Each structure stands twice: as C-alpha cells, then as structure tokens.
C-alpha cells in the first residue's frame, strides 16, 4: 500500500504543510484528495473522503480542488496577465457564447469583475511589475523561474477554488522565491477562507512559520498531524531531541528517516 489507514481533517482558512522524505506518499496523498488519482487494475482507492460532509463521488473533487504540479506549462508568447485571463476564460467560458441583448449589461459587469480579480491577484502575488512581460521558455527570454512558478499558481487558482493542493511547487526556487510563493498561499487561505495544502521537501524556518498545520508522512503513514508549533514538543516527548543547531524541518525529516533514533 502507498497510503495506509489515514485519518484527518483539512479545515478552511488554514494552510497545511505536508512534509516527508521522497517516496513517503506525499504526492499520492495530494492527488487522491484533489481527485487527480485514477483507479485502474493495479491501483485502487478505498476509504471515505468527504467535502463538507459529502462523499467525494458525489461532489467531483476535480471541480472543487485545484492541483498545482511540479512543472510549469505555459504558452511562451503570452504575457503574465494574458495567461491568468486566459485561464479564467477557459474556466468560465467567458465570451464563448452569444449574449442576449437583455443580458449584455450583466455580462459586461461580470467581465469587469474578473478583470479586477485578476489585477488583485497580480498585486498580491508580487507579479504586477512583470504583468506585461511574456512568460518565455528555454529558448525565448521571459520572466524569471520564480515569477513563472508564481504565474502557474495564479493560473491554477483562477476562480478561487475552495481547496488548493500544491505538490512540491518550490523545487528549483531560491529561498526568497519560496517565501514569496508561500506568502501568496497564506494570504489566499486567510483572506478568502480557502483550504490550502502544500507539500514541501525541505522548507527553511521562515517558510515553516507561514503554515498553521503540519502533516508528517513516513512510508505511507501519518506520524504527526497538528499545529506546526506542536511538532517538535510532540517528538521530544517521545524521546527525540532537536539539536539547537538544527532547524525544525531537518529535525522532523531525520526523525522519520532510517537514521532517526531517540
């Protein structure tokens, strides 16, 4: 089994970190909850997953949850603003069908609302200074890697879905970009009462402080779920001592690794 007997709750308005060594089941956990894991002859999903008390099979998690993967896939010649607007138009089908004359005013107001929402998202994510720059790629000069990653996040949270799952989206970014990206997630969770779950590998201390909750994985099992501030005291009560020279993330990963010992 990749995931074994998991039980827990993810609450709105809170940002949860999923931490664990490679191969511990973090990505599978994120995909199952967000509705991106598909069953087959060799893979089966069992157990009960509910959204506000409703079974996942009746609410279609893929429609409620945004899943942000580890890769950036954009049209290189679109600007940052155009990329986010295009995502919104694809999501809501804006301008795809003829609008009756009696509904034209409401339609125009809706378009204005989405434009304002886009501008707000660009400001809060720190992308406004590069909003009119093209995305670019390996062959075309565009925005930086960190800015492209943040654009991916804005694109995937268009429409402000109730839940956001981000799977190790900080890979390859410097510490400043990681902090900026996670700050955007924290603002989304707090300001709009969204459920935000982010899987990270080795977050620095300043990033750990942005999170409210922590889920620690080890070989498909949850070994800790609770407030970030309570993780170290919990393991110290079990006999694991965190050295003063070691930050929290490194300590927790050492505990669940083969070298971890009380």
Protein backbone atom coordinates (compact mmCIF):
# COMPACT_ATOMS: atom_id res chain seq x y z
CA UNK A 1 0.00 0.00 0.00
CA UNK A 2 1.19 3.51 -0.84
CA UNK A 3 -1.11 5.14 1.74
CA UNK A 4 -2.11 3.23 4.86
CA UNK A 5 -5.08 3.89 7.18
CA UNK A 6 -5.04 7.68 7.00
CA UNK A 7 -7.43 9.76 9.10
CA UNK A 8 -7.55 13.53 9.39
CA UNK A 9 -9.23 16.84 8.66
CA UNK A 10 -8.24 19.79 6.48
CA UNK A 11 -10.01 22.98 7.53
CA UNK A 12 -10.82 26.18 5.58
CA UNK A 13 -8.85 29.29 6.38
CA UNK A 14 -5.82 27.22 7.35
CA UNK A 15 -2.62 26.46 5.43
CA UNK A 16 -1.31 22.94 5.91
CA UNK A 17 2.20 21.72 5.11
CA UNK A 18 2.73 18.12 4.01
CA UNK A 19 6.25 17.07 4.91
CA UNK A 20 8.11 13.81 4.40
CA UNK A 21 11.09 12.21 2.65
CA UNK A 22 10.89 11.20 -1.04
CA UNK A 23 8.72 8.14 -1.56
CA UNK A 24 6.71 8.67 1.62
CA UNK A 25 3.40 9.11 -0.23
CA UNK A 26 3.03 12.91 -0.28
CA UNK A 27 2.22 13.23 -3.99
CA UNK A 28 -0.23 10.32 -3.94
CA UNK A 29 -1.94 11.84 -0.91
CA UNK A 30 -2.36 15.17 -2.71
CA UNK A 31 -3.64 13.56 -5.91
CA UNK A 32 -6.19 11.38 -4.13
CA UNK A 33 -7.70 14.27 -2.18
CA UNK A 34 -7.78 16.59 -5.22
CA UNK A 35 -9.40 13.96 -7.44
CA UNK A 36 -6.40 13.55 -9.74
CA UNK A 37 -5.65 9.91 -8.83
CA UNK A 38 -7.27 7.42 -11.19
CA UNK A 39 -8.16 3.87 -10.29
CA UNK A 40 -7.01 1.01 -12.50
CA UNK A 41 -6.43 -2.72 -12.41
CA UNK A 42 -3.28 -2.12 -10.37
CA UNK A 43 -4.37 0.92 -8.33
CA UNK A 44 -7.38 1.10 -6.06
CA UNK A 45 -8.65 3.86 -3.78
CA UNK A 46 -10.55 2.73 -0.70
CA UNK A 47 -11.91 4.56 2.32
CA UNK A 48 -14.10 7.60 2.83
CA UNK A 49 -13.14 11.10 1.67
CA UNK A 50 -15.71 13.83 2.30
CA UNK A 51 -16.02 17.51 1.41
CA UNK A 52 -18.16 19.37 3.97
CA UNK A 53 -19.74 16.04 4.85
CA UNK A 54 -20.46 14.95 1.26
CA UNK A 55 -18.79 11.89 -0.28
CA UNK A 56 -16.12 12.65 -2.88
CA UNK A 57 -18.01 10.63 -5.51
CA UNK A 58 -20.99 12.98 -5.30
CA UNK A 59 -19.15 16.32 -5.42
CA UNK A 60 -16.45 15.74 -8.08
CA UNK A 61 -13.26 16.89 -6.28
CA UNK A 62 -11.59 17.73 -9.59
CA UNK A 63 -14.10 20.60 -9.92
CA UNK A 64 -13.69 21.81 -6.34
CA UNK A 65 -9.93 21.43 -5.93
CA UNK A 66 -7.06 23.00 -7.79
CA UNK A 67 -3.97 20.81 -8.13
CA UNK A 68 -0.66 22.54 -8.85
CA UNK A 69 2.00 20.15 -10.12
CA UNK A 70 5.78 20.46 -10.10
CA UNK A 71 6.05 21.60 -13.75
CA UNK A 72 5.26 24.91 -15.48
CA UNK A 73 3.35 24.59 -18.75
CA UNK A 74 2.57 27.90 -20.45
CA UNK A 75 2.36 29.44 -23.88
CA UNK A 76 5.72 31.27 -24.03
CA UNK A 77 4.44 34.27 -26.02
CA UNK A 78 1.57 35.16 -23.70
CA UNK A 79 2.19 37.78 -21.03
CA UNK A 80 1.66 37.04 -17.35
CA UNK A 81 -1.64 38.95 -17.34
CA UNK A 82 -2.85 37.26 -20.54
CA UNK A 83 -2.03 33.84 -19.08
CA UNK A 84 -4.17 34.43 -15.99
CA UNK A 85 -7.03 35.94 -18.00
CA UNK A 86 -6.93 33.05 -20.46
CA UNK A 87 -7.20 30.58 -17.57
CA UNK A 88 -10.29 32.40 -16.29
CA UNK A 89 -11.92 32.43 -19.71
CA UNK A 90 -11.29 28.71 -20.12
CA UNK A 91 -12.68 28.01 -16.67
CA UNK A 92 -15.88 30.04 -17.00
CA UNK A 93 -16.40 30.04 -20.77
CA UNK A 94 -16.46 33.83 -20.98
CA UNK A 95 -17.17 35.18 -24.49
CA UNK A 96 -17.70 31.66 -25.80
CA UNK A 97 -21.43 32.01 -26.50
CA UNK A 98 -23.65 34.80 -27.89
CA UNK A 99 -25.06 37.04 -25.17
CA UNK A 100 -28.72 38.13 -25.50
CA UNK A 101 -29.13 41.93 -25.57
CA UNK A 102 -31.13 41.92 -22.33
CA UNK A 103 -28.19 40.22 -20.52
CA UNK A 104 -25.44 42.35 -22.03
CA UNK A 105 -25.11 44.68 -19.03
CA UNK A 106 -24.76 41.77 -16.58
CA UNK A 107 -22.25 40.14 -18.89
CA UNK A 108 -20.14 43.29 -19.04
CA UNK A 109 -20.24 43.61 -15.25
CA UNK A 110 -19.06 40.01 -14.93
CA UNK A 111 -16.13 40.69 -17.27
CA UNK A 112 -15.18 43.76 -15.23
CA UNK A 113 -15.31 41.69 -12.05
CA UNK A 114 -12.90 39.08 -13.43
CA UNK A 115 -10.53 41.79 -14.68
CA UNK A 116 -10.48 43.37 -11.21
CA UNK A 117 -9.93 39.95 -9.63
CA UNK A 118 -7.01 39.34 -12.00
CA UNK A 119 -5.40 42.66 -11.10
CA UNK A 120 -5.85 41.91 -7.38
CA UNK A 121 -4.20 38.51 -7.82
CA UNK A 122 -1.26 40.07 -9.68
CA UNK A 123 -0.74 42.60 -6.89
CA UNK A 124 -0.95 40.13 -4.01
CA UNK A 125 1.42 37.69 -5.74
CA UNK A 126 4.01 40.37 -6.49
CA UNK A 127 3.69 39.86 -10.26
CA UNK A 128 2.31 43.29 -11.15
CA UNK A 129 5.77 44.68 -12.17
CA UNK A 130 6.08 41.90 -14.81
CA UNK A 131 2.40 41.59 -15.71
CA UNK A 132 3.04 42.74 -19.30
CA UNK A 133 6.15 40.63 -19.88
CA UNK A 134 5.89 37.41 -21.84
CA UNK A 135 6.28 34.10 -19.99
CA UNK A 136 9.09 32.81 -22.21
CA UNK A 137 10.77 29.42 -22.10
CA UNK A 138 14.21 27.83 -22.56
CA UNK A 139 14.59 29.50 -25.99
CA UNK A 140 12.64 32.74 -25.51
CA UNK A 141 13.65 35.25 -22.85
CA UNK A 142 10.82 36.00 -20.45
CA UNK A 143 10.15 36.24 -16.74
CA UNK A 144 12.35 34.54 -14.16
CA UNK A 145 11.84 30.99 -12.91
CA UNK A 146 10.31 32.16 -9.66
CA UNK A 147 7.92 34.51 -11.46
CA UNK A 148 6.94 31.74 -13.88
CA UNK A 149 6.22 29.45 -10.92
CA UNK A 150 4.01 32.09 -9.30
CA UNK A 151 2.21 32.56 -12.62
CA UNK A 152 1.47 28.83 -12.64
CA UNK A 153 -0.02 29.13 -9.17
CA UNK A 154 -2.20 32.10 -10.16
CA UNK A 155 -3.32 30.27 -13.28
CA UNK A 156 -4.34 27.19 -11.30
CA UNK A 157 -6.23 29.11 -8.60
CA UNK A 158 -8.25 31.17 -11.07
CA UNK A 159 -11.77 31.44 -9.77
CA UNK A 160 -10.55 30.92 -6.20
CA UNK A 161 -11.44 27.22 -5.76
CA UNK A 162 -12.43 26.10 -2.23
CA UNK A 163 -9.31 23.93 -1.90
CA UNK A 164 -5.80 24.22 -3.34
CA UNK A 165 -3.25 21.38 -3.39
CA UNK A 166 0.32 22.32 -4.37
CA UNK A 167 2.73 19.42 -4.86
CA UNK A 168 6.35 20.47 -4.20
CA UNK A 169 5.90 23.60 -6.28
CA UNK A 170 9.03 25.23 -4.79
CA UNK A 171 11.52 22.81 -6.36
CA UNK A 172 14.33 24.71 -8.09
CA UNK A 173 13.48 28.08 -6.50
CA UNK A 174 15.71 30.15 -4.24
CA UNK A 175 14.67 30.85 -0.65
CA UNK A 176 13.31 34.32 -1.46
CA UNK A 177 11.05 32.95 -4.20
CA UNK A 178 9.91 30.11 -1.94
CA UNK A 179 8.95 32.57 0.78
CA UNK A 180 7.12 34.83 -1.68
CA UNK A 181 5.19 31.92 -3.13
CA UNK A 182 4.15 30.52 0.24
CA UNK A 183 3.19 34.02 1.40
CA UNK A 184 0.76 34.15 -1.53
CA UNK A 185 -0.77 30.85 -0.41
CA UNK A 186 -1.04 32.09 3.17
CA UNK A 187 -2.84 35.24 2.01
CA UNK A 188 -5.22 33.15 -0.10
CA UNK A 189 -6.07 30.89 2.86
CA UNK A 190 -6.54 33.70 5.37
CA UNK A 191 -8.28 36.31 3.23
CA UNK A 192 -10.65 34.03 1.33
CA UNK A 193 -11.13 31.18 3.86
CA UNK A 194 -9.65 28.60 1.45
CA UNK A 195 -8.18 25.24 2.34
CA UNK A 196 -4.55 25.32 1.17
CA UNK A 197 -2.33 22.24 1.33
CA UNK A 198 1.32 22.47 0.22
CA UNK A 199 3.77 19.58 0.00
CA UNK A 200 7.39 20.63 0.56
CA UNK A 201 10.67 18.75 0.82
CA UNK A 202 12.98 20.90 2.97
CA UNK A 203 11.37 24.27 3.81
CA UNK A 204 13.50 26.91 5.56
CA UNK A 205 12.45 28.11 9.05
CA UNK A 206 10.88 31.36 7.82
CA UNK A 207 8.62 29.38 5.48
CA UNK A 208 7.61 26.95 8.24
CA UNK A 209 6.30 29.92 10.25
CA UNK A 210 3.79 30.76 7.49
CA UNK A 211 1.91 27.48 7.98
CA UNK A 212 -0.78 26.72 10.55
CA UNK A 213 -0.89 22.92 10.38
CA UNK A 214 1.59 20.14 9.63
CA UNK A 215 1.15 16.61 8.32
CA UNK A 216 4.29 14.47 8.56
CA UNK A 217 4.49 11.35 6.39
CA UNK A 218 6.62 8.24 6.77
CA UNK A 219 6.26 5.27 4.39
CA UNK A 220 2.61 5.98 3.65
CA UNK A 221 1.64 6.61 7.28
CA UNK A 222 0.84 9.91 9.00
CA UNK A 223 3.08 10.10 12.06
CA UNK A 224 2.04 13.62 13.08
CA UNK A 225 -0.88 15.91 12.26
CA UNK A 226 -1.46 19.08 14.20
CA UNK A 227 -0.17 22.63 14.73
CA UNK A 228 3.30 23.38 13.36
CA UNK A 229 4.33 24.72 16.77
CA UNK A 230 3.47 21.42 18.44
CA UNK A 231 5.52 19.11 16.21
CA UNK A 232 8.90 19.40 17.96
CA UNK A 233 7.43 19.16 21.51
CA UNK A 234 5.48 16.07 20.41
CA UNK A 235 8.57 14.19 19.29
CA UNK A 236 10.62 15.43 22.23
CA UNK A 237 8.01 13.83 24.49
CA UNK A 238 8.75 10.57 22.67
CA UNK A 239 12.47 10.84 23.34
CA UNK A 240 13.67 12.60 20.19
CA UNK A 241 15.74 15.68 20.99
CA UNK A 242 16.07 18.50 18.47
CA UNK A 243 19.63 19.95 18.46
CA UNK A 244 19.84 23.74 18.76
CA UNK A 245 21.84 23.92 15.52
CA UNK A 246 19.16 22.06 13.50
CA UNK A 247 16.01 23.70 12.14
CA UNK A 248 12.58 22.14 12.54
CA UNK A 249 12.17 20.69 9.04
CA UNK A 250 15.55 18.93 9.09
CA UNK A 251 14.82 17.54 12.54
CA UNK A 252 11.42 16.15 11.54
CA UNK A 253 12.78 14.60 8.36
CA UNK A 254 15.59 12.99 10.35
CA UNK A 255 13.06 11.54 12.80
CA UNK A 256 11.14 9.77 10.03
CA UNK A 257 14.26 8.63 8.18
CA UNK A 258 16.21 5.47 8.80
CA UNK A 259 18.79 7.46 10.77
CA UNK A 260 16.25 8.91 13.19
CA UNK A 261 16.58 7.46 16.69
CA UNK A 262 15.67 8.73 20.17
